[in-house]
Amino acid sequence: MKTKREAISLAALGERVAARRRAVDVGEVPRNAGTRRTPSKQALLDAIAWAGGEW
């Protein structure tokens, strides 16, 4: 099934979300505490951190 809406880029989507947040004055959204992560998810995040990335 094909959608009738035109595809948008991830950058354009980010701009739309940022504009909506500014319009309603959302401010900073707290990050997930991560207290219920699976071992595989924690291993992935550890590997990202080891490589110098930040999640």
PDB file of N, CA and C in Angstrom:
ATOM      1  N   MET A   1       0.839  -1.182   0.000  1.00  0.00           N
ATOM      2  CA  MET A   1       0.000   0.000   0.000  1.00  0.00           C
ATOM      3  C   MET A   1       0.881   1.241   0.000  1.00  0.00           C
ATOM      4  N   LYS A   2       0.602   2.144  -0.840  1.00  0.00           N
ATOM      5  CA  LYS A   2       1.400   3.353  -0.966  1.00  0.00           C
ATOM      6  C   LYS A   2       0.700   4.514  -0.262  1.00  0.00           C
ATOM      7  N   THR A   3       1.480   5.282   0.472  1.00  0.00           N
ATOM      8  CA  THR A   3       0.921   6.428   1.180  1.00  0.00           C
ATOM      9  C   THR A   3       0.712   7.593   0.223  1.00  0.00           C
ATOM     10  N   LYS A   4      -0.195   8.456   0.570  1.00  0.00           N
ATOM     11  CA  LYS A   4      -0.477   9.608  -0.277  1.00  0.00           C
ATOM     12  C   LYS A   4       0.400  10.806   0.081  1.00  0.00           C
ATOM     13  N   ARG A   5       1.052  10.729   1.268  1.00  0.00           N
ATOM     14  CA  ARG A   5       1.907  11.834   1.683  1.00  0.00           C
ATOM     15  C   ARG A   5       3.296  11.702   1.074  1.00  0.00           C
ATOM     16  N   GLU A   6       3.924  12.825   0.831  1.00  0.00           N
ATOM     17  CA  GLU A   6       5.266  12.830   0.290  1.00  0.00           C
ATOM     18  C   GLU A   6       6.272  12.574   1.409  1.00  0.00           C
ATOM     19  N   ALA A   7       7.316  11.835   1.106  1.00  0.00           N
ATOM     20  CA  ALA A   7       8.355  11.529   2.087  1.00  0.00           C
ATOM     21  C   ALA A   7       9.137  12.797   2.428  1.00  0.00           C
ATOM     22  N   ILE A   8       9.568  12.900   3.706  1.00  0.00           N
ATOM     23  CA  ILE A   8      10.393  14.026   4.115  1.00  0.00           C
ATOM     24  C   ILE A   8      11.704  13.487   4.667  1.00  0.00           C
ATOM     25  N   SER A   9      12.726  14.317   4.650  1.00  0.00           N
ATOM     26  CA  SER A   9      14.028  13.889   5.150  1.00  0.00           C
ATOM     27  C   SER A   9      14.041  13.908   6.671  1.00  0.00           C
ATOM     28  N   LEU A  10      14.990  13.209   7.253  1.00  0.00           N
ATOM     29  CA  LEU A  10      15.128  13.179   8.699  1.00  0.00           C
ATOM     30  C   LEU A  10      15.457  14.573   9.226  1.00  0.00           C
ATOM     31  N   ALA A  11      16.244  15.325   8.495  1.00  0.00           N
ATOM     32  CA  ALA A  11      16.578  16.698   8.905  1.00  0.00           C
ATOM     33  C   ALA A  11      15.323  17.573   8.929  1.00  0.00           C
ATOM     34  N   ALA A  12      14.484  17.427   7.932  1.00  0.00           N
ATOM     35  CA  ALA A  12      13.242  18.208   7.885  1.00  0.00           C
ATOM     36  C   ALA A  12      12.315  17.816   9.030  1.00  0.00           C
ATOM     37  N   LEU A  13      12.258  16.522   9.345  1.00  0.00           N
ATOM     38  CA  LEU A  13      11.444  16.063  10.458  1.00  0.00           C
ATOM     39  C   LEU A  13      11.957  16.663  11.764  1.00  0.00           C
ATOM     40  N   GLY A  14      13.269  16.670  11.945  1.00  0.00           N
ATOM     41  CA  GLY A  14      13.864  17.265  13.142  1.00  0.00           C
ATOM     42  C   GLY A  14      13.518  18.732  13.276  1.00  0.00           C
ATOM     43  N   GLU A  15      13.540  19.442  12.171  1.00  0.00           N
ATOM     44  CA  GLU A  15      13.189  20.864  12.191  1.00  0.00           C
ATOM     45  C   GLU A  15      11.721  21.059  12.585  1.00  0.00           C
ATOM     46  N   ARG A  16      10.848  20.214  12.070  1.00  0.00           N
ATOM     47  CA  ARG A  16       9.429  20.310  12.408  1.00  0.00           C
ATOM     48  C   ARG A  16       9.194  20.059  13.898  1.00  0.00           C
ATOM     49  N   VAL A  17       9.853  19.023  14.426  1.00  0.00           N
ATOM     50  CA  VAL A  17       9.703  18.696  15.845  1.00  0.00           C
ATOM     51  C   VAL A  17      10.235  19.844  16.706  1.00  0.00           C
ATOM     52  N   ALA A  18      11.392  20.383  16.348  1.00  0.00           N
ATOM     53  CA  ALA A  18      11.970  21.493  17.110  1.00  0.00           C
ATOM     54  C   ALA A  18      11.046  22.707  17.082  1.00  0.00           C
ATOM     55  N   ALA A  19      10.443  22.988  15.932  1.00  0.00           N
ATOM     56  CA  ALA A  19       9.527  24.122  15.819  1.00  0.00           C
ATOM     57  C   ALA A  19       8.289  23.918  16.691  1.00  0.00           C
ATOM     58  N   ARG A  20       7.772  22.693  16.717  1.00  0.00           N
ATOM     59  CA  ARG A  20       6.599  22.408  17.551  1.00  0.00           C
ATOM     60  C   ARG A  20       6.939  22.545  19.030  1.00  0.00           C
ATOM     61  N   ARG A  21       8.121  22.079  19.414  1.00  0.00           N
ATOM     62  CA  ARG A  21       8.527  22.200  20.818  1.00  0.00           C
ATOM     63  C   ARG A  21       8.679  23.665  21.216  1.00  0.00           C
ATOM     64  N   ARG A  22       9.248  24.467  20.322  1.00  0.00           N
ATOM     65  CA  ARG A  22       9.379  25.898  20.615  1.00  0.00           C
ATOM     66  C   ARG A  22       8.014  26.556  20.727  1.00  0.00           C
ATOM     67  N   ALA A  23       7.077  26.146  19.882  1.00  0.00           N
ATOM     68  CA  ALA A  23       5.740  26.753  19.868  1.00  0.00           C
ATOM     69  C   ALA A  23       4.994  26.521  21.170  1.00  0.00           C
ATOM     70  N   VAL A  24       5.195  25.371  21.794  1.00  0.00           N
ATOM     71  CA  VAL A  24       4.484  25.077  23.039  1.00  0.00           C
ATOM     72  C   VAL A  24       5.393  25.199  24.264  1.00  0.00           C
ATOM     73  N   ASP A  25       6.619  25.659  24.064  1.00  0.00           N
ATOM     74  CA  ASP A  25       7.589  25.899  25.136  1.00  0.00           C
ATOM     75  C   ASP A  25       7.790  24.658  26.001  1.00  0.00           C
ATOM     76  N   VAL A  26       8.154  23.551  25.356  1.00  0.00           N
ATOM     77  CA  VAL A  26       8.369  22.291  26.047  1.00  0.00           C
ATOM     78  C   VAL A  26       9.610  22.343  26.925  1.00  0.00           C
ATOM     79  N   GLY A  27      10.646  22.993  26.461  1.00  0.00           N
ATOM     80  CA  GLY A  27      11.888  23.023  27.223  1.00  0.00           C
ATOM     81  C   GLY A  27      12.669  21.734  27.051  1.00  0.00           C
ATOM     82  N   GLU A  28      13.492  21.402  28.024  1.00  0.00           N
ATOM     83  CA  GLU A  28      14.312  20.209  27.949  1.00  0.00           C
ATOM     84  C   GLU A  28      13.531  18.999  28.445  1.00  0.00           C
ATOM     85  N   VAL A  29      13.548  17.935  27.660  1.00  0.00           N
ATOM     86  CA  VAL A  29      12.855  16.709  28.020  1.00  0.00           C
ATOM     87  C   VAL A  29      13.861  15.804  28.727  1.00  0.00           C
ATOM     88  N   PRO A  30      13.529  15.275  29.909  1.00  0.00           N
ATOM     89  CA  PRO A  30      14.473  14.431  30.628  1.00  0.00           C
ATOM     90  C   PRO A  30      14.735  13.124  29.880  1.00  0.00           C
ATOM     91  N   ARG A  31      15.955  12.638  29.987  1.00  0.00           N
ATOM     92  CA  ARG A  31      16.319  11.381  29.351  1.00  0.00           C
ATOM     93  C   ARG A  31      15.846  10.207  30.187  1.00  0.00           C
ATOM     94  N   ASN A  32      15.701   9.079  29.558  1.00  0.00           N
ATOM     95  CA  ASN A  32      15.312   7.853  30.227  1.00  0.00           C
ATOM     96  C   ASN A  32      16.409   7.434  31.206  1.00  0.00           C
ATOM     97  N   ALA A  33      16.045   7.042  32.420  1.00  0.00           N
ATOM     98  CA  ALA A  33      17.017   6.651  33.439  1.00  0.00           C
ATOM     99  C   ALA A  33      17.751   5.371  33.059  1.00  0.00           C
ATOM    100  N   GLY A  34      17.155   4.526  32.247  1.00  0.00           N
ATOM    101  CA  GLY A  34      17.810   3.316  31.776  1.00  0.00           C
ATOM    102  C   GLY A  34      17.926   2.224  32.817  1.00  0.00           C
ATOM    103  N   THR A  35      17.015   2.181  33.761  1.00  0.00           N
ATOM    104  CA  THR A  35      17.104   1.188  34.825  1.00  0.00           C
ATOM    105  C   THR A  35      16.596  -0.189  34.395  1.00  0.00           C
ATOM    106  N   ARG A  36      15.963  -0.301  33.241  1.00  0.00           N
ATOM    107  CA  ARG A  36      15.393  -1.582  32.806  1.00  0.00           C
ATOM    108  C   ARG A  36      15.969  -2.027  31.461  1.00  0.00           C
ATOM    109  N   ARG A  37      17.235  -1.765  31.207  1.00  0.00           N
ATOM    110  CA  ARG A  37      17.850  -2.136  29.936  1.00  0.00           C
ATOM    111  C   ARG A  37      18.201  -3.619  29.913  1.00  0.00           C
ATOM    112  N   THR A  38      18.040  -4.206  28.738  1.00  0.00           N
ATOM    113  CA  THR A  38      18.438  -5.599  28.571  1.00  0.00           C
ATOM    114  C   THR A  38      19.959  -5.678  28.503  1.00  0.00           C
ATOM    115  N   PRO A  39      20.533  -6.840  28.797  1.00  0.00           N
ATOM    116  CA  PRO A  39      21.994  -6.972  28.702  1.00  0.00           C
ATOM    117  C   PRO A  39      22.531  -6.635  27.313  1.00  0.00           C
ATOM    118  N   SER A  40      21.799  -6.993  26.261  1.00  0.00           N
ATOM    119  CA  SER A  40      22.274  -6.698  24.907  1.00  0.00           C
ATOM    120  C   SER A  40      22.259  -5.200  24.627  1.00  0.00           C
ATOM    121  N   LYS A  41      21.244  -4.509  25.122  1.00  0.00           N
ATOM    122  CA  LYS A  41      21.177  -3.055  24.945  1.00  0.00           C
ATOM    123  C   LYS A  41      22.308  -2.388  25.720  1.00  0.00           C
ATOM    124  N   GLN A  42      22.569  -2.857  26.945  1.00  0.00           N
ATOM    125  CA  GLN A  42      23.648  -2.269  27.731  1.00  0.00           C
ATOM    126  C   GLN A  42      24.992  -2.516  27.059  1.00  0.00           C
ATOM    127  N   ALA A  43      25.175  -3.695  26.472  1.00  0.00           N
ATOM    128  CA  ALA A  43      26.421  -3.995  25.756  1.00  0.00           C
ATOM    129  C   ALA A  43      26.589  -3.064  24.558  1.00  0.00           C
ATOM    130  N   LEU A  44      25.512  -2.797  23.853  1.00  0.00           N
ATOM    131  CA  LEU A  44      25.570  -1.874  22.722  1.00  0.00           C
ATOM    132  C   LEU A  44      25.955  -0.476  23.181  1.00  0.00           C
ATOM    133  N   LEU A  45      25.330   0.004  24.243  1.00  0.00           N
ATOM    134  CA  LEU A  45      25.648   1.339  24.748  1.00  0.00           C
ATOM    135  C   LEU A  45      27.078   1.411  25.266  1.00  0.00           C
ATOM    136  N   ASP A  46      27.561   0.340  25.896  1.00  0.00           N
ATOM    137  CA  ASP A  46      28.949   0.293  26.354  1.00  0.00           C
ATOM    138  C   ASP A  46      29.916   0.359  25.178  1.00  0.00           C
ATOM    139  N   ALA A  47      29.588  -0.338  24.094  1.00  0.00           N
ATOM    140  CA  ALA A  47      30.435  -0.320  22.899  1.00  0.00           C
ATOM    141  C   ALA A  47      30.453   1.066  22.258  1.00  0.00           C
ATOM    142  N   ILE A  48      29.317   1.734  22.242  1.00  0.00           N
ATOM    143  CA  ILE A  48      29.246   3.099  21.705  1.00  0.00           C
ATOM    144  C   ILE A  48      30.113   4.024  22.543  1.00  0.00           C
ATOM    145  N   ALA A  49      30.012   3.909  23.867  1.00  0.00           N
ATOM    146  CA  ALA A  49      30.821   4.742  24.760  1.00  0.00           C
ATOM    147  C   ALA A  49      32.296   4.437  24.595  1.00  0.00           C
ATOM    148  N   TRP A  50      32.658   3.148  24.447  1.00  0.00           N
ATOM    149  CA  TRP A  50      34.055   2.766  24.275  1.00  0.00           C
ATOM    150  C   TRP A  50      34.626   3.359  23.000  1.00  0.00           C
ATOM    151  N   ALA A  51      33.799   3.468  21.956  1.00  0.00           N
ATOM    152  CA  ALA A  51      34.236   4.025  20.676  1.00  0.00           C
ATOM    153  C   ALA A  51      34.272   5.549  20.695  1.00  0.00           C
ATOM    154  N   GLY A  52      33.883   6.144  21.822  1.00  0.00           N
ATOM    155  CA  GLY A  52      33.928   7.600  21.918  1.00  0.00           C
ATOM    156  C   GLY A  52      32.608   8.282  21.639  1.00  0.00           C
ATOM    157  N   GLY A  53      31.584   7.510  21.397  1.00  0.00           N
ATOM    158  CA  GLY A  53      30.274   8.089  21.131  1.00  0.00           C
ATOM    159  C   GLY A  53      29.518   8.387  22.403  1.00  0.00           C
ATOM    160  N   GLU A  54      28.464   9.136  22.258  1.00  0.00           N
ATOM    161  CA  GLU A  54      27.632   9.458  23.407  1.00  0.00           C
ATOM    162  C   GLU A  54      26.198   9.173  23.052  1.00  0.00           C
ATOM    163  N   TRP A  55      25.530   8.410  23.880  1.00  0.00           N
ATOM    164  CA  TRP A  55      24.139   8.074  23.618  1.00  0.00           C
ATOM    165  C   TRP A  55      23.238   8.707  24.616  1.00  0.00           C
TER     166      TRP A  55
END
